[in-house]
Amino acid sequence: MPEQNNKKPTKKIEEDTHQAAQARNAPVPERHYRAALFQTALILAAGAFGVLTFLVKTNPAFAIDLQITRTIQLINLPFFPSLMSAVSWAGFSPQAVIVTALIVVLIYALGLHWEAVVALLAAVFSAGLNLLIKELVQRPRPTAGLVNVIEPLKSYSFPSGHVMYYLGFFGLIGFLAFCLLKPSLKRSLLLALIGLPISLIGVSRIYLGEHWASDVLGSYLLGSLTLAASLQLYRWGKPRYFVNQPVAAVESQPV
């Protein structure tokens, strides 16, 4: 029997992901430019979130929020309500816990141990930070007297936990898929499958009447910061503790 037929199924995954992880280093000036651009974007996002949080805390009601919600809720496509409900479904408990656990276990089973650890930490950190800020700001949710509320929720409104979870957790999964898988139709489909709910979740939360647009905006800003923190943690720990893991060992590269 040919030697290739004797390979374990995980051997092919190991070879593919290992090769994809060996990306060529960009020239030093280009790396510095990208780092500066990335840091500038983080500073702007943090500043914008700080300003928005102050405005929400001092004045919970914005006229533009009401206008945006009413405009979005005017969408009258046959499939739209079901789509919006489906997009938000995975962000509620207990399904969010189950989905997170299944994905983390799958990643770990593939041999991506550090990736699984960081993914779990990203999910927990996003949820914890969201609850903390909700308690600090204590913004009321939209009420049925102002907009159409599909299902009233008792927790505070700012920022949206769904958006932060989707961006912080699924955003990290998308990053790992992009970096560790070879360019292919399967990778493109996987990235589209991950990116679609991230892009739609904000509209979904507004359409269902469970968040204001400013809640969603704040969540995307803060979620971007938590995602950036997870990526930095991943880059920091990978060459230190998980270089010799079975799959997708990454060479230590200067940041």
Protein backbone atom coordinates (compact mmCIF):
# COMPACT_ATOMS: atom_id res chain seq x y z
CA MET A 1 0.00 0.00 0.00
CA PRO A 2 1.42 3.45 -0.87
CA GLU A 3 2.93 5.37 1.99
CA GLN A 4 0.47 8.28 1.64
CA ASN A 5 -2.48 5.98 2.25
CA ASN A 6 -0.97 4.97 5.60
CA LYS A 7 -0.99 8.54 6.93
CA LYS A 8 -3.35 9.35 9.70
CA PRO A 9 -6.15 11.79 8.82
CA THR A 10 -4.65 14.40 11.13
CA LYS A 11 -1.33 14.24 9.30
CA LYS A 12 -2.75 16.11 6.32
CA ILE A 13 -4.22 18.75 8.63
CA GLU A 14 -0.85 19.08 10.34
CA GLU A 15 0.99 19.58 7.08
CA ASP A 16 -1.50 22.06 5.65
CA THR A 17 -1.84 24.21 8.75
CA HIS A 18 1.90 24.13 9.42
CA GLN A 19 2.68 25.38 5.92
CA ALA A 20 0.00 28.08 6.14
CA ALA A 21 1.46 29.27 9.43
CA GLN A 22 4.91 29.82 7.90
CA ALA A 23 4.03 33.21 6.38
CA ARG A 24 6.91 35.25 5.05
CA ASN A 25 7.97 38.22 7.14
CA ALA A 26 7.10 41.60 5.66
CA PRO A 27 9.92 44.14 5.25
CA VAL A 28 10.76 46.03 8.44
CA PRO A 29 9.42 49.44 7.28
CA GLU A 30 6.16 47.82 6.18
CA ARG A 31 5.80 46.05 9.53
CA HIS A 32 6.37 49.32 11.37
CA TYR A 33 3.78 51.07 9.20
CA ARG A 34 1.22 48.35 9.84
CA ALA A 35 1.93 48.40 13.57
CA ALA A 36 1.52 52.19 13.70
CA LEU A 37 -1.71 52.00 11.72
CA PHE A 38 -3.05 49.26 13.99
CA GLN A 39 -2.16 51.18 17.15
CA THR A 40 -3.75 54.35 15.79
CA ALA A 41 -6.96 52.48 15.02
CA LEU A 42 -7.03 51.08 18.57
CA ILE A 43 -6.52 54.53 20.09
CA LEU A 44 -9.32 55.99 17.96
CA ALA A 45 -11.65 53.11 18.86
CA ALA A 46 -10.89 53.47 22.57
CA GLY A 47 -11.40 57.24 22.43
CA ALA A 48 -14.66 56.92 20.51
CA PHE A 49 -15.95 54.33 22.97
CA GLY A 50 -15.02 56.53 25.92
CA VAL A 51 -16.87 59.52 24.46
CA LEU A 52 -19.92 57.42 23.56
CA THR A 53 -20.02 55.86 27.03
CA PHE A 54 -19.93 59.31 28.65
CA LEU A 55 -22.76 60.52 26.42
CA VAL A 56 -24.88 57.44 27.12
CA LYS A 57 -24.29 57.69 30.85
CA THR A 58 -25.22 61.37 31.02
CA ASN A 59 -28.08 61.26 28.50
CA PRO A 60 -29.53 57.75 27.96
CA ALA A 61 -32.00 58.83 25.23
CA PHE A 62 -30.84 59.92 21.75
CA ALA A 63 -33.35 61.05 19.14
CA ILE A 64 -31.24 59.50 16.38
CA ASP A 65 -31.47 56.09 18.10
CA LEU A 66 -35.25 56.19 17.87
CA GLN A 67 -35.14 57.25 14.22
CA ILE A 68 -32.71 54.46 13.29
CA THR A 69 -34.76 51.78 15.06
CA ARG A 70 -38.02 52.86 13.46
CA THR A 71 -36.38 52.99 10.03
CA ILE A 72 -34.91 49.49 10.36
CA GLN A 73 -38.18 48.09 11.69
CA LEU A 74 -39.93 49.37 8.56
CA ILE A 75 -38.13 46.69 6.52
CA ASN A 76 -40.92 44.47 5.28
CA LEU A 77 -39.23 41.56 3.51
CA PRO A 78 -40.87 38.13 4.00
CA PHE A 79 -37.76 36.43 5.32
CA PHE A 80 -36.31 39.34 7.31
CA PRO A 81 -37.92 38.76 10.75
CA SER A 82 -36.92 35.10 10.75
CA LEU A 83 -33.39 35.98 9.63
CA MET A 84 -32.97 38.57 12.37
CA SER A 85 -34.23 36.17 15.03
CA ALA A 86 -31.96 33.40 13.75
CA VAL A 87 -28.91 35.66 13.80
CA SER A 88 -29.51 36.61 17.43
CA TRP A 89 -30.44 33.09 18.57
CA ALA A 90 -26.88 31.84 19.04
CA GLY A 91 -26.03 34.74 21.34
CA PHE A 92 -28.55 33.82 24.04
CA SER A 93 -27.89 31.40 26.88
CA PRO A 94 -27.66 28.42 27.00
CA GLN A 95 -26.91 28.08 23.28
CA ALA A 96 -24.04 30.60 23.44
CA VAL A 97 -22.36 28.46 26.11
CA ILE A 98 -22.95 25.27 24.13
CA VAL A 99 -21.71 26.74 20.83
CA THR A 100 -18.61 28.16 22.50
CA ALA A 101 -17.82 24.88 24.26
CA LEU A 102 -18.28 22.80 21.10
CA ILE A 103 -16.02 25.06 19.03
CA VAL A 104 -13.33 25.21 21.72
CA VAL A 105 -13.36 21.42 22.14
CA LEU A 106 -13.20 20.93 18.36
CA ILE A 107 -10.22 23.28 18.05
CA TYR A 108 -8.46 21.51 20.90
CA ALA A 109 -9.18 18.09 19.38
CA LEU A 110 -7.53 19.21 16.13
CA GLY A 111 -4.33 19.79 18.07
CA LEU A 112 -4.63 23.57 18.25
CA HIS A 113 -4.24 23.76 22.01
CA TRP A 114 -3.18 27.39 22.42
CA GLU A 115 -5.82 28.48 19.94
CA ALA A 116 -8.47 26.69 22.01
CA VAL A 117 -7.25 28.36 25.21
CA VAL A 118 -7.29 31.83 23.68
CA ALA A 119 -10.73 31.26 22.13
CA LEU A 120 -12.16 30.28 25.51
CA LEU A 121 -10.53 33.26 27.21
CA ALA A 122 -11.87 35.58 24.49
CA ALA A 123 -15.44 34.39 25.06
CA VAL A 124 -15.21 34.67 28.85
CA PHE A 125 -13.47 38.05 28.75
CA SER A 126 -16.02 39.54 26.32
CA ALA A 127 -18.94 38.38 28.47
CA GLY A 128 -17.38 39.57 31.73
CA LEU A 129 -16.41 42.98 30.40
CA ASN A 130 -19.85 43.45 28.90
CA LEU A 131 -21.58 42.71 32.20
CA LEU A 132 -19.25 45.07 34.06
CA ILE A 133 -19.91 48.02 31.75
CA LYS A 134 -23.63 47.31 31.71
CA GLU A 135 -23.69 47.63 35.50
CA LEU A 136 -21.60 50.81 35.44
CA VAL A 137 -23.71 52.58 32.78
CA GLN A 138 -27.14 51.10 33.61
CA ARG A 139 -28.84 52.23 30.44
CA PRO A 140 -32.49 51.13 30.05
CA ARG A 141 -33.44 49.05 27.04
CA PRO A 142 -35.91 50.25 24.39
CA THR A 143 -39.52 50.06 25.55
CA ALA A 144 -42.62 48.87 23.73
CA GLY A 145 -44.09 52.35 23.92
CA LEU A 146 -41.39 53.68 21.62
CA VAL A 147 -40.51 50.81 19.29
CA ASN A 148 -41.59 47.28 18.49
CA VAL A 149 -39.96 45.04 21.10
CA ILE A 150 -40.05 41.37 20.07
CA GLU A 151 -38.99 39.98 23.44
CA PRO A 152 -38.45 42.26 26.47
CA LEU A 153 -35.17 41.66 28.33
CA LYS A 154 -34.46 42.61 31.93
CA SER A 155 -30.74 43.38 31.70
CA TYR A 156 -29.26 46.77 30.84
CA SER A 157 -28.80 47.90 27.26
CA PHE A 158 -25.30 49.39 26.80
CA PRO A 159 -23.29 47.78 25.31
CA SER A 160 -24.79 44.85 23.42
CA GLY A 161 -23.56 41.52 24.74
CA HIS A 162 -24.46 39.77 21.49
CA VAL A 163 -22.30 42.06 19.38
CA MET A 164 -19.35 41.84 21.76
CA TYR A 165 -19.57 38.05 21.88
CA TYR A 166 -19.86 37.64 18.12
CA LEU A 167 -17.02 40.03 17.38
CA GLY A 168 -14.76 38.92 20.23
CA PHE A 169 -15.21 35.15 19.88
CA PHE A 170 -16.22 34.50 16.28
CA GLY A 171 -13.88 37.25 15.11
CA LEU A 172 -11.00 35.35 16.70
CA ILE A 173 -12.16 32.09 15.11
CA GLY A 174 -12.20 33.85 11.74
CA PHE A 175 -8.66 35.14 12.31
CA LEU A 176 -7.43 31.64 13.13
CA ALA A 177 -9.14 30.17 10.08
CA PHE A 178 -7.59 32.83 7.84
CA CYS A 179 -4.08 32.32 9.24
CA LEU A 180 -3.97 28.56 9.66
CA LEU A 181 -5.82 27.33 6.57
CA LYS A 182 -4.55 27.43 3.03
CA PRO A 183 -6.37 29.73 0.58
CA SER A 184 -9.18 27.64 -0.84
CA LEU A 185 -12.90 27.65 -1.53
CA LYS A 186 -13.49 25.90 1.80
CA ARG A 187 -11.61 28.59 3.68
CA SER A 188 -13.50 31.34 1.84
CA LEU A 189 -16.84 29.71 2.65
CA LEU A 190 -15.84 29.29 6.30
CA LEU A 191 -14.82 32.95 6.56
CA ALA A 192 -18.10 34.01 4.94
CA LEU A 193 -20.04 31.80 7.36
CA ILE A 194 -18.24 33.47 10.28
CA GLY A 195 -18.36 37.00 8.93
CA LEU A 196 -22.05 37.05 8.04
CA PRO A 197 -23.47 36.84 11.60
CA ILE A 198 -20.84 39.31 12.83
CA SER A 199 -21.98 41.85 10.25
CA LEU A 200 -25.71 41.19 10.77
CA ILE A 201 -25.88 40.92 14.54
CA GLY A 202 -25.98 44.68 15.09
CA VAL A 203 -28.92 45.14 12.72
CA SER A 204 -30.61 42.15 14.32
CA ARG A 205 -30.42 43.59 17.83
CA ILE A 206 -31.91 46.89 16.64
CA TYR A 207 -34.61 45.26 14.52
CA LEU A 208 -35.76 43.08 17.40
CA GLY A 209 -36.12 46.19 19.57
CA GLU A 210 -33.66 44.95 22.19
CA HIS A 211 -30.91 47.54 21.68
CA TRP A 212 -30.43 51.09 20.47
CA ALA A 213 -28.08 51.83 17.58
CA SER A 214 -25.67 53.54 19.97
CA ASP A 215 -25.56 50.30 22.01
CA VAL A 216 -24.53 48.47 18.88
CA LEU A 217 -21.96 51.08 17.90
CA GLY A 218 -20.41 50.97 21.36
CA SER A 219 -20.30 47.17 21.21
CA TYR A 220 -18.49 47.11 17.89
CA LEU A 221 -15.94 49.61 19.23
CA LEU A 222 -15.36 47.73 22.48
CA GLY A 223 -15.56 44.36 20.75
CA SER A 224 -12.79 45.47 18.39
CA LEU A 225 -10.62 46.29 21.40
CA THR A 226 -11.29 42.93 23.07
CA LEU A 227 -10.55 41.14 19.80
CA ALA A 228 -7.28 43.05 19.47
CA ALA A 229 -6.38 42.05 23.03
CA SER A 230 -7.08 38.39 22.23
CA LEU A 231 -4.91 38.55 19.12
CA GLN A 232 -2.05 40.06 21.09
CA LEU A 233 -2.41 37.36 23.73
CA TYR A 234 -2.35 34.71 21.01
CA ARG A 235 0.79 36.15 19.41
CA TRP A 236 2.46 36.51 22.79
CA GLY A 237 1.81 32.99 24.05
CA LYS A 238 2.15 30.95 20.86
CA PRO A 239 5.97 31.02 20.51
CA ARG A 240 6.50 30.68 24.27
CA TYR A 241 4.38 27.75 25.35
CA PHE A 242 2.86 25.94 22.37
CA VAL A 243 5.57 25.81 19.73
CA ASN A 244 5.70 22.00 19.82
CA GLN A 245 1.96 21.30 19.82
CA PRO A 246 0.88 18.63 17.28
CA VAL A 247 -0.61 21.01 14.71
CA ALA A 248 0.26 24.42 13.31
CA ALA A 249 3.37 25.25 15.31
CA VAL A 250 4.27 28.86 14.60
CA GLU A 251 7.76 30.27 14.44
CA SER A 252 8.56 33.09 16.80
CA GLN A 253 8.33 36.33 14.82
CA PRO A 254 9.02 39.89 15.94
CA VAL A 255 5.91 41.96 16.50
